Amino acid sequence: MSHTVADYTAILKLIETRFKLANLSKRAAAQVDMSEFFDFTNPPWMTPPSSPLQDTTKLCNYPCNKCRNATTTG
């Protein structure tokens, strides 16, 4: 949490700083770049977690016609 006052151009300043772009306006140049909120050197989720195993031996709980017909006719 920051106690620095900023307006919506602060996100523009962050993009300019992050990607080493020239300032697009004087207003954006005067803003803080909000980089204190992000860690670009150690980004999380570089390896996403694996999906949970799903039980494929039972019918799903989704009320579609295919599953409904399988339970009434099978």
C-alpha atoms as a PDB file:
ATOM      1  CA  MET A   1       0.000   0.000   0.000  1.00  0.00           C
ATOM      2  CA  SER A   2       1.292   3.383  -0.940  1.00  0.00           C
ATOM      3  CA  HIS A   3       0.412   6.694   0.635  1.00  0.00           C
ATOM      4  CA  THR A   4       1.576   8.609  -2.425  1.00  0.00           C
ATOM      5  CA  VAL A   5      -1.223  10.404  -4.243  1.00  0.00           C
ATOM      6  CA  ALA A   6      -1.467   9.465  -7.926  1.00  0.00           C
ATOM      7  CA  ASP A   7      -4.003   9.614 -10.704  1.00  0.00           C
ATOM      8  CA  TYR A   8      -4.796   7.311 -13.612  1.00  0.00           C
ATOM      9  CA  THR A   9      -1.725   8.465 -15.544  1.00  0.00           C
ATOM     10  CA  ALA A  10       0.453   6.640 -13.006  1.00  0.00           C
ATOM     11  CA  ILE A  11      -0.232   3.387 -14.881  1.00  0.00           C
ATOM     12  CA  LEU A  12       0.997   5.083 -18.043  1.00  0.00           C
ATOM     13  CA  LYS A  13       4.169   6.094 -16.193  1.00  0.00           C
ATOM     14  CA  LEU A  14       4.617   2.486 -15.031  1.00  0.00           C
ATOM     15  CA  ILE A  15       4.354   1.210 -18.614  1.00  0.00           C
ATOM     16  CA  GLU A  16       6.813   3.852 -19.812  1.00  0.00           C
ATOM     17  CA  THR A  17       9.286   2.910 -17.075  1.00  0.00           C
ATOM     18  CA  ARG A  18       8.846  -0.854 -17.417  1.00  0.00           C
ATOM     19  CA  PHE A  19       9.374  -0.910 -21.177  1.00  0.00           C
ATOM     20  CA  LYS A  20      11.868   1.975 -21.278  1.00  0.00           C
ATOM     21  CA  LEU A  21       9.607   4.203 -23.382  1.00  0.00           C
ATOM     22  CA  ALA A  22       9.775   7.969 -23.698  1.00  0.00           C
ATOM     23  CA  ASN A  23       7.271   9.961 -21.676  1.00  0.00           C
ATOM     24  CA  LEU A  24       4.076  10.371 -23.642  1.00  0.00           C
ATOM     25  CA  SER A  25       2.927  13.446 -21.742  1.00  0.00           C
ATOM     26  CA  LYS A  26       4.174  15.920 -19.137  1.00  0.00           C
ATOM     27  CA  ARG A  27       1.441  14.745 -16.801  1.00  0.00           C
ATOM     28  CA  ALA A  28       2.578  11.126 -16.984  1.00  0.00           C
ATOM     29  CA  ALA A  29       6.207  12.193 -16.563  1.00  0.00           C
ATOM     30  CA  ALA A  30       5.316  13.857 -13.250  1.00  0.00           C
ATOM     31  CA  GLN A  31       3.681  10.709 -11.804  1.00  0.00           C
ATOM     32  CA  VAL A  32       5.214   7.981  -9.688  1.00  0.00           C
ATOM     33  CA  ASP A  33       5.648   4.823 -11.765  1.00  0.00           C
ATOM     34  CA  MET A  34       4.089   2.396  -9.255  1.00  0.00           C
ATOM     35  CA  SER A  35       7.012  -0.034  -9.672  1.00  0.00           C
ATOM     36  CA  GLU A  36       7.075  -0.453  -5.892  1.00  0.00           C
ATOM     37  CA  PHE A  37       3.998  -2.673  -6.242  1.00  0.00           C
ATOM     38  CA  PHE A  38       5.593  -5.146  -8.668  1.00  0.00           C
ATOM     39  CA  ASP A  39       8.545  -7.516  -8.646  1.00  0.00           C
ATOM     40  CA  PHE A  40       9.633  -7.920 -12.248  1.00  0.00           C
ATOM     41  CA  THR A  41      12.886  -9.704 -11.315  1.00  0.00           C
ATOM     42  CA  ASN A  42      11.144 -12.636  -9.577  1.00  0.00           C
ATOM     43  CA  PRO A  43       7.807 -13.080 -11.362  1.00  0.00           C
ATOM     44  CA  PRO A  44       5.463 -15.629  -9.765  1.00  0.00           C
ATOM     45  CA  TRP A  45       3.824 -18.530 -11.573  1.00  0.00           C
ATOM     46  CA  MET A  46       6.619 -19.160 -14.066  1.00  0.00           C
ATOM     47  CA  THR A  47       5.647 -22.811 -13.613  1.00  0.00           C
ATOM     48  CA  PRO A  48       1.890 -22.974 -13.105  1.00  0.00           C
ATOM     49  CA  PRO A  49       0.497 -25.540 -10.671  1.00  0.00           C
ATOM     50  CA  SER A  50      -0.715 -28.795 -12.141  1.00  0.00           C
ATOM     51  CA  SER A  51      -4.430 -29.375 -12.550  1.00  0.00           C
ATOM     52  CA  PRO A  52      -6.171 -31.626 -10.035  1.00  0.00           C
ATOM     53  CA  LEU A  53      -6.918 -35.160 -11.130  1.00  0.00           C
ATOM     54  CA  GLN A  54     -10.458 -35.682 -12.342  1.00  0.00           C
ATOM     55  CA  ASP A  55     -12.567 -38.761 -11.823  1.00  0.00           C
ATOM     56  CA  THR A  56     -13.468 -39.873 -15.356  1.00  0.00           C
ATOM     57  CA  THR A  57     -15.313 -43.015 -14.257  1.00  0.00           C
ATOM     58  CA  LYS A  58     -18.507 -41.156 -13.266  1.00  0.00           C
ATOM     59  CA  LEU A  59     -20.928 -38.852 -15.032  1.00  0.00           C
ATOM     60  CA  CYS A  60     -20.467 -35.152 -14.579  1.00  0.00           C
ATOM     61  CA  ASN A  61     -22.771 -33.038 -12.441  1.00  0.00           C
ATOM     62  CA  TYR A  62     -23.390 -30.593 -15.271  1.00  0.00           C
ATOM     63  CA  PRO A  63     -27.083 -30.663 -16.283  1.00  0.00           C
ATOM     64  CA  CYS A  64     -26.614 -31.086 -20.025  1.00  0.00           C
ATOM     65  CA  ASN A  65     -28.822 -33.303 -22.200  1.00  0.00           C
ATOM     66  CA  LYS A  66     -26.042 -35.808 -22.873  1.00  0.00           C
ATOM     67  CA  CYS A  67     -25.520 -36.564 -19.175  1.00  0.00           C
ATOM     68  CA  ARG A  68     -29.245 -36.443 -18.376  1.00  0.00           C
ATOM     69  CA  ASN A  69     -30.031 -38.940 -21.150  1.00  0.00           C
ATOM     70  CA  ALA A  70     -27.188 -41.226 -20.064  1.00  0.00           C
ATOM     71  CA  THR A  71     -28.571 -41.467 -16.537  1.00  0.00           C
ATOM     72  CA  THR A  72     -32.181 -42.107 -17.609  1.00  0.00           C
ATOM     73  CA  THR A  73     -31.487 -44.570 -20.419  1.00  0.00           C
ATOM     74  CA  GLY A  74     -28.301 -46.228 -19.220  1.00  0.00           C
END
